[in-house]
PDB file of N, CA and C in Angstrom:
ATOM      1  N   MET A   1      25.147 -23.838-108.408  1.00  0.00           N
ATOM      2  CA  MET A   1      24.462 -24.424-107.364  1.00  0.00           C
ATOM      3  C   MET A   1      22.952 -23.936-107.350  1.00  0.00           C
ATOM      4  N   VAL A   2      22.520 -24.781-106.442  1.00  0.00           N
ATOM      5  CA  VAL A   2      21.365 -24.541-105.992  1.00  0.00           C
ATOM      6  C   VAL A   2      20.870 -24.195-104.412  1.00  0.00           C
ATOM      7  N   ALA A   3      20.130 -23.669-104.099  1.00  0.00           N
ATOM      8  CA  ALA A   3      19.905 -23.489-102.763  1.00  0.00           C
ATOM      9  C   ALA A   3      18.365 -23.605-102.678  1.00  0.00           C
ATOM     10  N   LEU A   4      17.799 -23.965-101.516  1.00  0.00           N
ATOM     11  CA  LEU A   4      16.670 -24.492-101.567  1.00  0.00           C
ATOM     12  C   LEU A   4      16.454 -23.457 -99.923  1.00  0.00           C
ATOM     13  N   ILE A   5      15.721 -22.811-100.415  1.00  0.00           N
ATOM     14  CA  ILE A   5      15.088 -21.149 -98.852  1.00  0.00           C
ATOM     15  C   ILE A   5      13.603 -21.825 -98.287  1.00  0.00           C
ATOM     16  N   PRO A   6      13.509 -22.018 -97.019  1.00  0.00           N
ATOM     17  CA  PRO A   6      12.010 -21.857 -96.787  1.00  0.00           C
ATOM     18  C   PRO A   6      11.483 -20.880 -97.170  1.00  0.00           C
ATOM     19  N   ARG A   7      10.143 -21.471 -97.387  1.00  0.00           N
ATOM     20  CA  ARG A   7       8.840 -20.699 -97.834  1.00  0.00           C
ATOM     21  C   ARG A   7       8.024 -20.197 -96.455  1.00  0.00           C
ATOM     22  N   ASP A   8       7.184 -19.752 -96.725  1.00  0.00           N
ATOM     23  CA  ASP A   8       6.466 -19.084 -94.734  1.00  0.00           C
ATOM     24  C   ASP A   8       5.753 -20.074 -94.322  1.00  0.00           C
ATOM     25  N   PRO A   9       6.683 -21.032 -93.147  1.00  0.00           N
ATOM     26  CA  PRO A   9       5.690 -22.382 -92.754  1.00  0.00           C
ATOM     27  C   PRO A   9       4.398 -22.000 -92.316  1.00  0.00           C
ATOM     28  N   ILE A  10       3.811 -22.700 -92.428  1.00  0.00           N
ATOM     29  CA  ILE A  10       2.442 -22.937 -91.467  1.00  0.00           C
ATOM     30  C   ILE A  10       2.282 -23.965 -90.583  1.00  0.00           C
ATOM     31  N   ALA A  11       1.760 -23.778 -89.204  1.00  0.00           N
ATOM     32  CA  ALA A  11       1.720 -23.984 -87.966  1.00  0.00           C
ATOM     33  C   ALA A  11       1.343 -25.460 -87.953  1.00  0.00           C
ATOM     34  N   GLY A  12       1.886 -26.209 -87.873  1.00  0.00           N
ATOM     35  CA  GLY A  12       0.943 -27.681 -87.313  1.00  0.00           C
ATOM     36  C   GLY A  12       0.855 -28.569 -89.277  1.00  0.00           C
ATOM     37  N   ASN A  13       1.590 -28.038 -89.853  1.00  0.00           N
ATOM     38  CA  ASN A  13       1.531 -28.059 -90.837  1.00  0.00           C
ATOM     39  C   ASN A  13       3.019 -29.280 -91.263  1.00  0.00           C
ATOM     40  N   GLU A  14       2.364 -30.755 -91.754  1.00  0.00           N
ATOM     41  CA  GLU A  14       3.873 -31.588 -91.713  1.00  0.00           C
ATOM     42  C   GLU A  14       4.535 -31.303 -93.279  1.00  0.00           C
ATOM     43  N   ARG A  15       4.136 -30.517 -94.240  1.00  0.00           N
ATOM     44  CA  ARG A  15       5.036 -29.847 -95.311  1.00  0.00           C
ATOM     45  C   ARG A  15       5.791 -29.494 -95.223  1.00  0.00           C
ATOM     46  N   ILE A  16       6.637 -29.285 -96.370  1.00  0.00           N
ATOM     47  CA  ILE A  16       8.143 -28.349 -96.110  1.00  0.00           C
ATOM     48  C   ILE A  16       8.038 -27.637 -97.318  1.00  0.00           C
ATOM     49  N   HIS A  17       7.604 -26.267 -97.875  1.00  0.00           N
ATOM     50  CA  HIS A  17       8.134 -25.668 -98.828  1.00  0.00           C
ATOM     51  C   HIS A  17       9.206 -25.127 -98.686  1.00  0.00           C
ATOM     52  N   LEU A  18       9.607 -25.614 -99.588  1.00  0.00           N
ATOM     53  CA  LEU A  18      11.191 -24.423-100.148  1.00  0.00           C
ATOM     54  C   LEU A  18      11.356 -23.776-101.317  1.00  0.00           C
ATOM     55  N   ALA A  19      11.806 -22.628-101.647  1.00  0.00           N
ATOM     56  CA  ALA A  19      12.034 -22.386-102.744  1.00  0.00           C
ATOM     57  C   ALA A  19      13.197 -22.662-103.816  1.00  0.00           C
ATOM     58  N   ILE A  20      13.837 -23.026-105.049  1.00  0.00           N
ATOM     59  CA  ILE A  20      14.489 -23.231-105.595  1.00  0.00           C
ATOM     60  C   ILE A  20      15.234 -21.684-105.997  1.00  0.00           C
ATOM     61  N   THR A  21      15.988 -21.441-105.779  1.00  0.00           N
ATOM     62  CA  THR A  21      17.099 -20.032-106.310  1.00  0.00           C
ATOM     63  C   THR A  21      18.664 -20.456-106.677  1.00  0.00           C
ATOM     64  N   THR A  22      19.208 -19.995-107.267  1.00  0.00           N
ATOM     65  CA  THR A  22      20.438 -19.845-107.292  1.00  0.00           C
ATOM     66  C   THR A  22      21.198 -18.362-107.259  1.00  0.00           C
ATOM     67  N   ASN A  23      20.389 -17.630-107.135  1.00  0.00           N
ATOM     68  CA  ASN A  23      20.756 -16.641-106.106  1.00  0.00           C
ATOM     69  C   ASN A  23      20.856 -15.895-104.649  1.00  0.00           C
ATOM     70  N   GLY A  24      19.755 -17.018-103.849  1.00  0.00           N
ATOM     71  CA  GLY A  24      19.150 -16.779-102.665  1.00  0.00           C
ATOM     72  C   GLY A  24      18.547 -15.644-102.497  1.00  0.00           C
ATOM     73  N   GLN A  25      17.812 -15.206-103.865  1.00  0.00           N
ATOM     74  CA  GLN A  25      16.725 -14.135-103.487  1.00  0.00           C
ATOM     75  C   GLN A  25      15.420 -14.567-104.599  1.00  0.00           C
ATOM     76  N   GLN A  26      15.965 -14.651-105.745  1.00  0.00           N
ATOM     77  CA  GLN A  26      14.857 -14.710-106.679  1.00  0.00           C
ATOM     78  C   GLN A  26      14.303 -16.449-106.634  1.00  0.00           C
ATOM     79  N   ALA A  27      12.934 -16.492-106.221  1.00  0.00           N
ATOM     80  CA  ALA A  27      12.528 -17.863-106.477  1.00  0.00           C
ATOM     81  C   ALA A  27      12.314 -18.585-107.956  1.00  0.00           C
ATOM     82  N   LEU A  28      13.053 -19.200-108.681  1.00  0.00           N
ATOM     83  CA  LEU A  28      12.962 -20.145-109.520  1.00  0.00           C
ATOM     84  C   LEU A  28      12.022 -21.134-110.191  1.00  0.00           C
ATOM     85  N   GLY A  29      11.676 -21.679-108.931  1.00  0.00           N
ATOM     86  CA  GLY A  29      10.765 -22.848-108.855  1.00  0.00           C
ATOM     87  C   GLY A  29      10.531 -23.056-107.250  1.00  0.00           C
ATOM     88  N   GLU A  30      10.166 -24.225-106.906  1.00  0.00           N
ATOM     89  CA  GLU A  30       9.267 -24.685-105.637  1.00  0.00           C
ATOM     90  C   GLU A  30       9.685 -26.102-105.216  1.00  0.00           C
ATOM     91  N   VAL A  31       9.848 -26.518-104.188  1.00  0.00           N
ATOM     92  CA  VAL A  31       9.533 -27.939-103.956  1.00  0.00           C
ATOM     93  C   VAL A  31       9.376 -28.386-102.648  1.00  0.00           C
ATOM     94  N   LEU A  32       7.871 -29.024-102.582  1.00  0.00           N
ATOM     95  CA  LEU A  32       7.335 -29.720-101.135  1.00  0.00           C
ATOM     96  C   LEU A  32       7.979 -30.989-100.348  1.00  0.00           C
ATOM     97  N   LEU A  33       8.406 -31.042 -99.699  1.00  0.00           N
ATOM     98  CA  LEU A  33       8.838 -32.028 -98.545  1.00  0.00           C
ATOM     99  C   LEU A  33       7.225 -32.842 -98.000  1.00  0.00           C
ATOM    100  N   ASN A  34       6.400 -33.788 -97.868  1.00  0.00           N
ATOM    101  CA  ASN A  34       5.429 -33.882 -97.164  1.00  0.00           C
ATOM    102  C   ASN A  34       6.318 -35.130 -96.173  1.00  0.00           C
ATOM    103  N   GLN A  35       6.258 -34.912 -94.910  1.00  0.00           N
ATOM    104  CA  GLN A  35       6.914 -35.278 -93.898  1.00  0.00           C
ATOM    105  C   GLN A  35       6.647 -36.503 -93.363  1.00  0.00           C
ATOM    106  N   ALA A  36       4.672 -36.794 -93.570  1.00  0.00           N
ATOM    107  CA  ALA A  36       3.849 -37.357 -93.252  1.00  0.00           C
ATOM    108  C   ALA A  36       4.091 -38.531 -94.232  1.00  0.00           C
ATOM    109  N   THR A  37       4.629 -38.428 -95.222  1.00  0.00           N
ATOM    110  CA  THR A  37       3.881 -39.227 -95.989  1.00  0.00           C
ATOM    111  C   THR A  37       5.610 -39.692 -96.830  1.00  0.00           C
ATOM    112  N   GLY A  38       6.565 -39.081 -97.149  1.00  0.00           N
ATOM    113  CA  GLY A  38       7.542 -38.870 -97.285  1.00  0.00           C
ATOM    114  C   GLY A  38       7.778 -39.064 -99.231  1.00  0.00           C
ATOM    115  N   SER A  39       6.383 -37.984 -99.552  1.00  0.00           N
ATOM    116  CA  SER A  39       6.072 -37.492-100.792  1.00  0.00           C
ATOM    117  C   SER A  39       7.254 -36.479-100.839  1.00  0.00           C
ATOM    118  N   ILE A  40       7.463 -36.466-102.346  1.00  0.00           N
ATOM    119  CA  ILE A  40       7.943 -35.305-102.953  1.00  0.00           C
ATOM    120  C   ILE A  40       7.901 -34.473-104.586  1.00  0.00           C
ATOM    121  N   GLY A  41       7.507 -32.794-104.495  1.00  0.00           N
ATOM    122  CA  GLY A  41       6.934 -32.389-105.647  1.00  0.00           C
ATOM    123  C   GLY A  41       7.445 -31.393-105.907  1.00  0.00           C
ATOM    124  N   TYR A  42       7.421 -31.110-107.385  1.00  0.00           N
ATOM    125  CA  TYR A  42       8.640 -29.509-107.814  1.00  0.00           C
ATOM    126  C   TYR A  42       7.845 -29.094-108.585  1.00  0.00           C
ATOM    127  N   ILE A  43       7.918 -27.677-108.883  1.00  0.00           N
ATOM    128  CA  ILE A  43       7.669 -26.979-109.566  1.00  0.00           C
ATOM    129  C   ILE A  43       8.889 -26.193-110.111  1.00  0.00           C
ATOM    130  N   VAL A  44       9.416 -25.579-111.766  1.00  0.00           N
ATOM    131  CA  VAL A  44      10.280 -25.118-111.911  1.00  0.00           C
ATOM    132  C   VAL A  44       9.757 -24.064-113.421  1.00  0.00           C
ATOM    133  N   GLY A  45       9.467 -22.653-112.898  1.00  0.00           N
ATOM    134  CA  GLY A  45       9.180 -21.728-113.816  1.00  0.00           C
ATOM    135  C   GLY A  45       9.558 -22.136-115.114  1.00  0.00           C
ATOM    136  N   ALA A  46       8.508 -21.410-116.013  1.00  0.00           N
ATOM    137  CA  ALA A  46       8.827 -21.968-117.354  1.00  0.00           C
ATOM    138  C   ALA A  46      10.228 -21.111-118.007  1.00  0.00           C
ATOM    139  N   ALA A  47      10.473 -20.397-117.663  1.00  0.00           N
ATOM    140  CA  ALA A  47      11.935 -19.525-118.005  1.00  0.00           C
ATOM    141  C   ALA A  47      12.751 -19.783-117.715  1.00  0.00           C
ATOM    142  N   HIS A  48      12.763 -20.640-116.817  1.00  0.00           N
ATOM    143  CA  HIS A  48      14.287 -21.597-116.011  1.00  0.00           C
ATOM    144  C   HIS A  48      14.454 -22.968-116.089  1.00  0.00           C
ATOM    145  N   ARG A  49      13.444 -23.531-117.306  1.00  0.00           N
ATOM    146  CA  ARG A  49      13.557 -25.030-117.432  1.00  0.00           C
ATOM    147  C   ARG A  49      14.850 -25.242-118.359  1.00  0.00           C
ATOM    148  N   GLY A  50      15.279 -26.714-118.224  1.00  0.00           N
ATOM    149  CA  GLY A  50      16.287 -26.998-118.724  1.00  0.00           C
ATOM    150  C   GLY A  50      18.021 -26.735-118.558  1.00  0.00           C
ATOM    151  N   GLN A  51      17.526 -26.056-116.922  1.00  0.00           N
ATOM    152  CA  GLN A  51      19.352 -26.128-116.339  1.00  0.00           C
ATOM    153  C   GLN A  51      19.423 -26.856-115.405  1.00  0.00           C
ATOM    154  N   ARG A  52      18.681 -27.988-114.739  1.00  0.00           N
ATOM    155  CA  ARG A  52      18.525 -29.403-114.146  1.00  0.00           C
ATOM    156  C   ARG A  52      18.204 -28.883-112.698  1.00  0.00           C
ATOM    157  N   LEU A  53      17.939 -27.382-112.516  1.00  0.00           N
ATOM    158  CA  LEU A  53      17.353 -27.073-111.568  1.00  0.00           C
ATOM    159  C   LEU A  53      16.502 -28.173-110.648  1.00  0.00           C
ATOM    160  N   ALA A  54      15.447 -28.869-111.455  1.00  0.00           N
ATOM    161  CA  ALA A  54      14.958 -30.038-110.371  1.00  0.00           C
ATOM    162  C   ALA A  54      15.415 -30.610-110.144  1.00  0.00           C
ATOM    163  N   VAL A  55      16.666 -31.699-110.490  1.00  0.00           N
ATOM    164  CA  VAL A  55      17.169 -32.472-110.499  1.00  0.00           C
ATOM    165  C   VAL A  55      18.486 -32.247-109.313  1.00  0.00           C
ATOM    166  N   ARG A  56      18.931 -31.033-109.120  1.00  0.00           N
ATOM    167  CA  ARG A  56      19.485 -30.336-108.199  1.00  0.00           C
ATOM    168  C   ARG A  56      18.715 -30.211-106.943  1.00  0.00           C
ATOM    169  N   ALA A  57      17.584 -29.721-106.750  1.00  0.00           N
ATOM    170  CA  ALA A  57      16.521 -29.466-106.172  1.00  0.00           C
ATOM    171  C   ALA A  57      16.145 -30.581-104.983  1.00  0.00           C
ATOM    172  N   LEU A  58      15.756 -31.827-106.190  1.00  0.00           N
ATOM    173  CA  LEU A  58      15.125 -32.900-105.884  1.00  0.00           C
ATOM    174  C   LEU A  58      16.361 -33.673-104.781  1.00  0.00           C
ATOM    175  N   ARG A  59      17.494 -33.675-105.294  1.00  0.00           N
ATOM    176  CA  ARG A  59      18.596 -34.351-104.958  1.00  0.00           C
ATOM    177  C   ARG A  59      18.794 -33.486-103.077  1.00  0.00           C
ATOM    178  N   ALA A  60      18.555 -32.597-103.229  1.00  0.00           N
ATOM    179  CA  ALA A  60      19.217 -32.151-102.307  1.00  0.00           C
ATOM    180  C   ALA A  60      18.349 -31.762-100.585  1.00  0.00           C
ATOM    181  N   VAL A  61      17.104 -31.792-101.645  1.00  0.00           N
ATOM    182  CA  VAL A  61      15.799 -32.049-100.582  1.00  0.00           C
ATOM    183  C   VAL A  61      15.784 -33.527 -99.677  1.00  0.00           C
ATOM    184  N   THR A  62      16.075 -34.526-100.963  1.00  0.00           N
ATOM    185  CA  THR A  62      16.107 -36.415-100.581  1.00  0.00           C
ATOM    186  C   THR A  62      17.415 -36.084 -99.738  1.00  0.00           C
ATOM    187  N   GLU A  63      18.479 -35.821 -99.481  1.00  0.00           N
ATOM    188  CA  GLU A  63      19.597 -35.622 -98.762  1.00  0.00           C
ATOM    189  C   GLU A  63      18.832 -35.005 -97.513  1.00  0.00           C
ATOM    190  N   TYR A  64      18.121 -33.922 -97.652  1.00  0.00           N
ATOM    191  CA  TYR A  64      17.573 -33.870 -96.159  1.00  0.00           C
ATOM    192  C   TYR A  64      16.546 -34.432 -95.564  1.00  0.00           C
ATOM    193  N   ALA A  65      15.608 -35.116 -96.445  1.00  0.00           N
ATOM    194  CA  ALA A  65      14.715 -35.682 -95.860  1.00  0.00           C
ATOM    195  C   ALA A  65      15.548 -37.290 -94.922  1.00  0.00           C
ATOM    196  N   HIS A  66      16.425 -37.929 -96.035  1.00  0.00           N
ATOM    197  CA  HIS A  66      16.799 -38.990 -95.206  1.00  0.00           C
ATOM    198  C   HIS A  66      17.484 -38.620 -93.922  1.00  0.00           C
ATOM    199  N   VAL A  67      18.303 -37.462 -93.900  1.00  0.00           N
ATOM    200  CA  VAL A  67      19.187 -37.024 -92.953  1.00  0.00           C
ATOM    201  C   VAL A  67      18.577 -36.326 -91.651  1.00  0.00           C
ATOM    202  N   ASN A  68      17.695 -35.432 -91.637  1.00  0.00           N
ATOM    203  CA  ASN A  68      16.878 -34.417 -90.924  1.00  0.00           C
ATOM    204  C   ASN A  68      15.954 -35.116 -90.637  1.00  0.00           C
ATOM    205  N   ALA A  69      14.428 -35.239 -91.742  1.00  0.00           N
ATOM    206  CA  ALA A  69      13.478 -35.461 -91.465  1.00  0.00           C
ATOM    207  C   ALA A  69      13.523 -37.489 -91.293  1.00  0.00           C
ATOM    208  N   THR A  70      14.713 -37.654 -91.153  1.00  0.00           N
ATOM    209  CA  THR A  70      14.872 -39.188 -90.781  1.00  0.00           C
ATOM    210  C   THR A  70      13.856 -40.049 -91.937  1.00  0.00           C
ATOM    211  N   LEU A  71      13.433 -40.064 -93.136  1.00  0.00           N
ATOM    212  CA  LEU A  71      12.764 -40.956 -93.737  1.00  0.00           C
ATOM    213  C   LEU A  71      13.313 -41.844 -94.589  1.00  0.00           C
ATOM    214  N   PRO A  72      13.032 -42.821 -94.216  1.00  0.00           N
ATOM    215  CA  PRO A  72      14.177 -44.075 -95.035  1.00  0.00           C
ATOM    216  C   PRO A  72      13.569 -43.995 -96.549  1.00  0.00           C
ATOM    217  N   ARG A  73      12.401 -43.685 -96.944  1.00  0.00           N
ATOM    218  CA  ARG A  73      12.133 -43.781 -98.478  1.00  0.00           C
ATOM    219  C   ARG A  73      11.654 -42.653 -98.918  1.00  0.00           C
ATOM    220  N   ILE A  74      11.663 -41.751 -99.976  1.00  0.00           N
ATOM    221  CA  ILE A  74      10.987 -40.639-100.520  1.00  0.00           C
ATOM    222  C   ILE A  74      10.729 -41.176-101.711  1.00  0.00           C
ATOM    223  N   TRP A  75       9.528 -40.266-102.203  1.00  0.00           N
ATOM    224  CA  TRP A  75       8.799 -41.102-103.944  1.00  0.00           C
ATOM    225  C   TRP A  75       7.793 -39.692-104.240  1.00  0.00           C
ATOM    226  N   ARG A  76       7.470 -39.595-105.229  1.00  0.00           N
ATOM    227  CA  ARG A  76       7.407 -38.150-106.048  1.00  0.00           C
ATOM    228  C   ARG A  76       6.203 -38.618-106.945  1.00  0.00           C
ATOM    229  N   PRO A  77       4.625 -38.734-106.483  1.00  0.00           N
ATOM    230  CA  PRO A  77       4.352 -39.143-107.384  1.00  0.00           C
ATOM    231  C   PRO A  77       3.550 -38.205-108.340  1.00  0.00           C
ATOM    232  N   CYS A  78       3.740 -38.813-110.251  1.00  0.00           N
ATOM    233  CA  CYS A  78       3.093 -38.420-110.986  1.00  0.00           C
ATOM    234  C   CYS A  78       1.972 -38.067-111.841  1.00  0.00           C
ATOM    235  N   ARG A  79       1.898 -36.725-111.812  1.00  0.00           N
ATOM    236  CA  ARG A  79       0.779 -36.109-111.967  1.00  0.00           C
ATOM    237  C   ARG A  79       0.794 -35.010-113.134  1.00  0.00           C
ATOM    238  N   SER A  80       1.255 -35.487-114.002  1.00  0.00           N
ATOM    239  CA  SER A  80       1.858 -34.552-115.228  1.00  0.00           C
ATOM    240  C   SER A  80       0.560 -33.995-115.969  1.00  0.00           C
ATOM    241  N   ARG A  81       0.146 -33.619-117.187  1.00  0.00           N
ATOM    242  CA  ARG A  81      -0.870 -32.909-117.862  1.00  0.00           C
ATOM    243  C   ARG A  81       0.442 -33.282-119.455  1.00  0.00           C
ATOM    244  N   ARG A  82       1.864 -33.315-119.212  1.00  0.00           N
ATOM    245  CA  ARG A  82       2.659 -32.783-120.386  1.00  0.00           C
ATOM    246  C   ARG A  82       3.430 -34.416-120.455  1.00  0.00           C
ATOM    247  N   PRO A  83       3.299 -34.928-121.227  1.00  0.00           N
ATOM    248  CA  PRO A  83       4.461 -35.967-122.009  1.00  0.00           C
ATOM    249  C   PRO A  83       5.722 -35.602-121.279  1.00  0.00           C
ATOM    250  N   THR A  84       6.532 -34.634-121.282  1.00  0.00           N
ATOM    251  CA  THR A  84       7.839 -34.169-120.442  1.00  0.00           C
ATOM    252  C   THR A  84       7.758 -34.305-119.140  1.00  0.00           C
ATOM    253  N   GLY A  85       6.520 -34.068-118.135  1.00  0.00           N
ATOM    254  CA  GLY A  85       6.266 -33.590-117.306  1.00  0.00           C
ATOM    255  C   GLY A  85       6.857 -34.943-116.031  1.00  0.00           C
ATOM    256  N   SER A  86       6.581 -36.316-116.825  1.00  0.00           N
ATOM    257  CA  SER A  86       7.373 -36.540-115.384  1.00  0.00           C
ATOM    258  C   SER A  86       8.885 -37.282-115.714  1.00  0.00           C
ATOM    259  N   ARG A  87       9.381 -36.748-116.388  1.00  0.00           N
ATOM    260  CA  ARG A  87      10.731 -36.808-116.602  1.00  0.00           C
ATOM    261  C   ARG A  87      11.618 -35.439-116.109  1.00  0.00           C
ATOM    262  N   THR A  88      12.710 -36.014-114.979  1.00  0.00           N
ATOM    263  CA  THR A  88      13.268 -34.877-114.810  1.00  0.00           C
ATOM    264  C   THR A  88      15.372 -35.037-114.839  1.00  0.00           C
ATOM    265  N   GLY A  89      15.409 -34.473-115.396  1.00  0.00           N
ATOM    266  CA  GLY A  89      16.821 -33.924-116.042  1.00  0.00           C
ATOM    267  C   GLY A  89      17.050 -33.509-116.964  1.00  0.00           C
TER     268      GLY A  89
END
């Protein structure tokens, strides 16, 4: 199970920052949802890669965006320097 824990909010900011965690305490990565543009981004710590954390976190934040933020479309810009960085899975 992956839990998404809100990070410290910034007043007036349309971005939602969520910590990726499996135990509710230690952050293993981070997911960002920009409510103004519908874009999402993520990063998973090197020691925690290969556990499908990004896939599970992106599914959860996409569901949140559709249901709670009423965003009809979500997209993820690809800005990776690594060839495997554009792959989620």
